[in-house]
């Protein structure tokens, strides 16, 4: 893991050749950091807990490793649309 220190207003850029993601520290304080993210439309950006829900929706499995229907997971038949 790369660990970087940034002050408010400073940015980091992730350059993958075909696309770039820019992350800017907007505000920091009281144990929280507010980030701004600029990414191409085809690059999904989610909070971790939302990303995990999407992964569960895409690959639903039971504890025994078998596939479960979305209904048995208590979820909707639609893909979650919540982001960032």
N, C-alpha and C. Protein backbone atom coordinates (compact mmCIF):
# COMPACT_ATOMS: atom_id res chain seq x y z
N UNK A 1 0.84 -1.18 0.00
CA UNK A 1 0.00 0.00 0.00
C UNK A 1 0.89 1.24 0.00
N UNK A 2 0.60 2.13 -0.88
CA UNK A 2 1.28 3.42 -0.92
C UNK A 2 0.56 4.36 0.03
N UNK A 3 1.28 4.98 0.93
CA UNK A 3 0.69 5.91 1.89
C UNK A 3 1.22 7.30 1.58
N UNK A 4 0.32 8.24 1.35
CA UNK A 4 0.68 9.61 1.00
C UNK A 4 0.07 10.58 1.99
N UNK A 5 0.78 11.65 2.26
CA UNK A 5 0.23 12.73 3.08
C UNK A 5 -0.13 13.89 2.16
N UNK A 6 -1.29 14.45 2.35
CA UNK A 6 -1.75 15.59 1.55
C UNK A 6 -2.42 16.57 2.49
N UNK A 7 -2.31 17.83 2.15
CA UNK A 7 -3.02 18.88 2.88
C UNK A 7 -4.28 19.24 2.12
N UNK A 8 -5.17 19.98 2.78
CA UNK A 8 -6.39 20.43 2.11
C UNK A 8 -6.02 21.13 0.81
N UNK A 9 -6.75 20.82 -0.24
CA UNK A 9 -6.51 21.42 -1.55
C UNK A 9 -5.50 20.68 -2.40
N UNK A 10 -4.69 19.81 -1.80
CA UNK A 10 -3.70 19.05 -2.57
C UNK A 10 -4.35 17.81 -3.17
N UNK A 11 -3.72 17.28 -4.21
CA UNK A 11 -4.29 16.17 -4.97
C UNK A 11 -3.30 15.03 -5.13
N UNK A 12 -3.84 13.87 -5.48
CA UNK A 12 -3.04 12.76 -6.00
C UNK A 12 -3.68 12.36 -7.32
N UNK A 13 -2.88 11.81 -8.23
CA UNK A 13 -3.38 11.36 -9.52
C UNK A 13 -2.97 9.91 -9.71
N UNK A 14 -3.94 9.06 -10.06
CA UNK A 14 -3.69 7.67 -10.40
C UNK A 14 -3.76 7.61 -11.92
N UNK A 15 -2.63 7.27 -12.55
CA UNK A 15 -2.57 7.23 -14.01
C UNK A 15 -2.38 5.79 -14.45
N UNK A 16 -3.40 5.23 -15.09
CA UNK A 16 -3.35 3.84 -15.56
C UNK A 16 -3.12 3.78 -17.06
N UNK A 17 -2.59 4.83 -17.65
CA UNK A 17 -2.31 4.83 -19.07
C UNK A 17 -3.49 5.23 -19.92
N UNK A 18 -4.57 4.44 -19.85
CA UNK A 18 -5.75 4.75 -20.65
C UNK A 18 -6.74 5.64 -19.92
N UNK A 19 -6.57 5.78 -18.62
CA UNK A 19 -7.44 6.66 -17.85
C UNK A 19 -6.69 7.22 -16.64
N UNK A 20 -7.21 8.31 -16.08
CA UNK A 20 -6.64 8.92 -14.88
C UNK A 20 -7.76 9.17 -13.87
N UNK A 21 -7.42 9.01 -12.62
CA UNK A 21 -8.32 9.36 -11.53
C UNK A 21 -7.58 10.36 -10.66
N UNK A 22 -8.26 11.45 -10.34
CA UNK A 22 -7.68 12.51 -9.52
C UNK A 22 -8.46 12.58 -8.21
N UNK A 23 -7.74 12.57 -7.09
CA UNK A 23 -8.36 12.65 -5.77
C UNK A 23 -7.82 13.88 -5.08
N UNK A 24 -8.74 14.73 -4.62
CA UNK A 24 -8.33 15.97 -3.94
C UNK A 24 -8.88 15.97 -2.52
N UNK A 25 -8.04 16.38 -1.56
CA UNK A 25 -8.49 16.54 -0.18
C UNK A 25 -9.24 17.87 -0.12
N UNK A 26 -10.53 17.81 0.13
CA UNK A 26 -11.34 19.02 0.20
C UNK A 26 -11.35 19.60 1.61
N UNK A 27 -11.43 18.71 2.61
CA UNK A 27 -11.47 19.16 3.99
C UNK A 27 -11.02 18.03 4.89
N UNK A 28 -10.32 18.37 5.95
CA UNK A 28 -9.90 17.37 6.93
C UNK A 28 -10.09 17.96 8.32
N UNK A 29 -10.58 17.16 9.23
CA UNK A 29 -10.77 17.62 10.60
C UNK A 29 -11.78 16.76 11.33
N UNK A 30 -11.71 16.77 12.64
CA UNK A 30 -12.62 16.01 13.49
C UNK A 30 -12.63 14.52 13.14
N UNK A 31 -11.47 13.98 12.78
CA UNK A 31 -11.37 12.56 12.48
C UNK A 31 -11.96 12.14 11.14
N UNK A 32 -12.27 13.10 10.29
CA UNK A 32 -12.86 12.80 8.98
C UNK A 32 -12.10 13.53 7.89
N UNK A 33 -12.13 12.95 6.70
CA UNK A 33 -11.51 13.58 5.54
C UNK A 33 -12.56 13.60 4.44
N UNK A 34 -12.76 14.75 3.83
CA UNK A 34 -13.69 14.88 2.71
C UNK A 34 -12.86 14.92 1.43
N UNK A 35 -13.14 13.96 0.51
CA UNK A 35 -12.37 13.83 -0.72
C UNK A 35 -13.23 14.17 -1.93
N UNK A 36 -12.61 14.75 -2.93
CA UNK A 36 -13.24 14.95 -4.23
C UNK A 36 -12.55 14.04 -5.22
N UNK A 37 -13.32 13.37 -6.07
CA UNK A 37 -12.77 12.42 -7.03
C UNK A 37 -13.20 12.82 -8.44
N UNK A 38 -12.23 12.92 -9.34
CA UNK A 38 -12.51 13.15 -10.76
C UNK A 38 -12.03 11.92 -11.50
N UNK A 39 -12.96 11.27 -12.22
CA UNK A 39 -12.64 10.04 -12.94
C UNK A 39 -13.44 10.00 -14.23
N UNK A 40 -12.94 9.27 -15.23
CA UNK A 40 -13.73 9.11 -16.46
C UNK A 40 -15.06 8.43 -16.14
N UNK A 41 -16.07 8.68 -16.96
CA UNK A 41 -17.40 8.10 -16.75
C UNK A 41 -17.37 6.57 -16.72
N UNK A 42 -16.43 5.95 -17.42
CA UNK A 42 -16.40 4.49 -17.46
C UNK A 42 -15.63 3.88 -16.29
N UNK A 43 -15.15 4.69 -15.36
CA UNK A 43 -14.47 4.20 -14.17
C UNK A 43 -15.40 4.41 -12.97
N UNK A 44 -15.81 3.30 -12.37
CA UNK A 44 -16.72 3.37 -11.22
C UNK A 44 -15.96 3.80 -9.97
N UNK A 45 -16.55 4.72 -9.21
CA UNK A 45 -15.97 5.17 -7.95
C UNK A 45 -17.06 5.03 -6.90
N UNK A 46 -16.78 4.22 -5.86
CA UNK A 46 -17.77 3.94 -4.82
C UNK A 46 -17.10 3.96 -3.45
N UNK A 47 -17.89 4.24 -2.42
CA UNK A 47 -17.43 3.98 -1.06
C UNK A 47 -17.30 2.48 -0.92
N UNK A 48 -16.41 2.02 -0.05
CA UNK A 48 -16.15 0.58 0.08
C UNK A 48 -17.41 -0.22 0.38
N UNK A 49 -18.25 0.27 1.30
CA UNK A 49 -19.43 -0.50 1.67
C UNK A 49 -20.42 -0.62 0.51
N UNK A 50 -20.48 0.37 -0.35
CA UNK A 50 -21.33 0.29 -1.55
C UNK A 50 -20.72 -0.69 -2.55
N UNK A 51 -19.42 -0.62 -2.73
CA UNK A 51 -18.72 -1.53 -3.64
C UNK A 51 -18.93 -2.98 -3.22
N UNK A 52 -18.86 -3.25 -1.91
CA UNK A 52 -19.07 -4.61 -1.41
C UNK A 52 -20.48 -5.09 -1.71
N UNK A 53 -21.47 -4.21 -1.55
CA UNK A 53 -22.85 -4.58 -1.88
C UNK A 53 -23.00 -4.91 -3.35
N UNK A 54 -22.36 -4.13 -4.20
CA UNK A 54 -22.41 -4.39 -5.64
C UNK A 54 -21.77 -5.73 -5.95
N UNK A 55 -20.64 -6.04 -5.30
CA UNK A 55 -19.98 -7.33 -5.52
C UNK A 55 -20.88 -8.47 -5.09
N UNK A 56 -21.57 -8.33 -3.98
CA UNK A 56 -22.50 -9.36 -3.53
C UNK A 56 -23.64 -9.52 -4.54
N UNK A 57 -24.10 -8.45 -5.10
CA UNK A 57 -25.18 -8.51 -6.08
C UNK A 57 -24.70 -9.24 -7.34
N UNK A 58 -23.47 -8.96 -7.75
CA UNK A 58 -22.94 -9.57 -8.97
C UNK A 58 -22.63 -11.05 -8.80
N UNK A 59 -22.12 -11.44 -7.66
CA UNK A 59 -21.66 -12.82 -7.43
C UNK A 59 -22.27 -13.38 -6.15
N UNK A 60 -23.59 -13.50 -6.07
CA UNK A 60 -24.18 -14.00 -4.82
C UNK A 60 -23.81 -15.46 -4.57
N UNK A 61 -23.27 -15.74 -3.38
CA UNK A 61 -22.93 -17.12 -3.00
C UNK A 61 -23.39 -17.38 -1.58
N UNK A 62 -23.62 -18.65 -1.31
CA UNK A 62 -23.97 -19.08 0.05
C UNK A 62 -22.68 -19.45 0.78
N UNK A 63 -22.79 -19.69 2.08
CA UNK A 63 -21.61 -20.07 2.86
C UNK A 63 -20.96 -21.34 2.34
N UNK A 64 -21.76 -22.25 1.77
CA UNK A 64 -21.19 -23.50 1.26
C UNK A 64 -20.57 -23.33 -0.13
N UNK A 65 -20.57 -22.10 -0.65
CA UNK A 65 -19.95 -21.83 -1.93
C UNK A 65 -20.88 -21.92 -3.12
N UNK A 66 -22.11 -22.42 -2.92
CA UNK A 66 -23.04 -22.50 -4.03
C UNK A 66 -23.67 -21.14 -4.28
N UNK A 67 -24.14 -20.95 -5.49
CA UNK A 67 -24.75 -19.66 -5.85
C UNK A 67 -26.12 -19.54 -5.20
N UNK A 68 -26.42 -18.34 -4.72
CA UNK A 68 -27.72 -18.06 -4.13
C UNK A 68 -28.45 -17.09 -5.03
N UNK A 69 -29.77 -17.16 -5.01
CA UNK A 69 -30.53 -16.17 -5.78
C UNK A 69 -30.49 -14.85 -5.04
N UNK A 70 -30.72 -13.77 -5.74
CA UNK A 70 -30.74 -12.45 -5.11
C UNK A 70 -31.85 -12.37 -4.08
N UNK A 71 -32.93 -13.10 -4.31
CA UNK A 71 -34.05 -13.09 -3.37
C UNK A 71 -33.63 -13.68 -2.02
N UNK A 72 -32.81 -14.75 -2.02
CA UNK A 72 -32.41 -15.38 -0.76
C UNK A 72 -31.44 -14.49 0.01
N UNK A 73 -30.79 -13.55 -0.67
CA UNK A 73 -29.90 -12.61 0.02
C UNK A 73 -30.68 -11.45 0.61
N UNK A 74 -31.99 -11.41 0.35
CA UNK A 74 -32.82 -10.33 0.87
C UNK A 74 -32.70 -9.07 0.05
N UNK A 75 -32.12 -9.17 -1.13
CA UNK A 75 -31.94 -7.99 -1.96
C UNK A 75 -32.98 -7.89 -3.03
N UNK A 76 -32.97 -6.79 -3.70
CA UNK A 76 -33.87 -6.56 -4.82
C UNK A 76 -33.34 -7.27 -6.05
N UNK A 77 -34.17 -7.42 -7.05
CA UNK A 77 -33.75 -8.02 -8.30
C UNK A 77 -32.99 -7.03 -9.15
N UNK A 78 -32.97 -5.79 -8.75
CA UNK A 78 -32.26 -4.76 -9.52
C UNK A 78 -30.88 -4.55 -8.92
N UNK A 79 -29.96 -4.05 -9.77
CA UNK A 79 -28.63 -3.72 -9.30
C UNK A 79 -28.68 -2.44 -8.48
N UNK A 80 -27.96 -2.37 -7.37
CA UNK A 80 -27.93 -1.14 -6.57
C UNK A 80 -27.41 0.02 -7.42
N UNK A 81 -28.00 1.19 -7.22
CA UNK A 81 -27.58 2.35 -8.00
C UNK A 81 -26.88 3.39 -7.15
N UNK A 82 -26.80 3.19 -5.84
CA UNK A 82 -26.14 4.14 -4.95
C UNK A 82 -24.66 4.22 -5.28
N UNK A 83 -24.10 5.42 -5.31
CA UNK A 83 -22.67 5.57 -5.54
C UNK A 83 -22.13 6.67 -4.67
N UNK A 84 -20.77 6.67 -4.62
CA UNK A 84 -20.01 7.66 -3.84
C UNK A 84 -20.79 8.02 -2.66
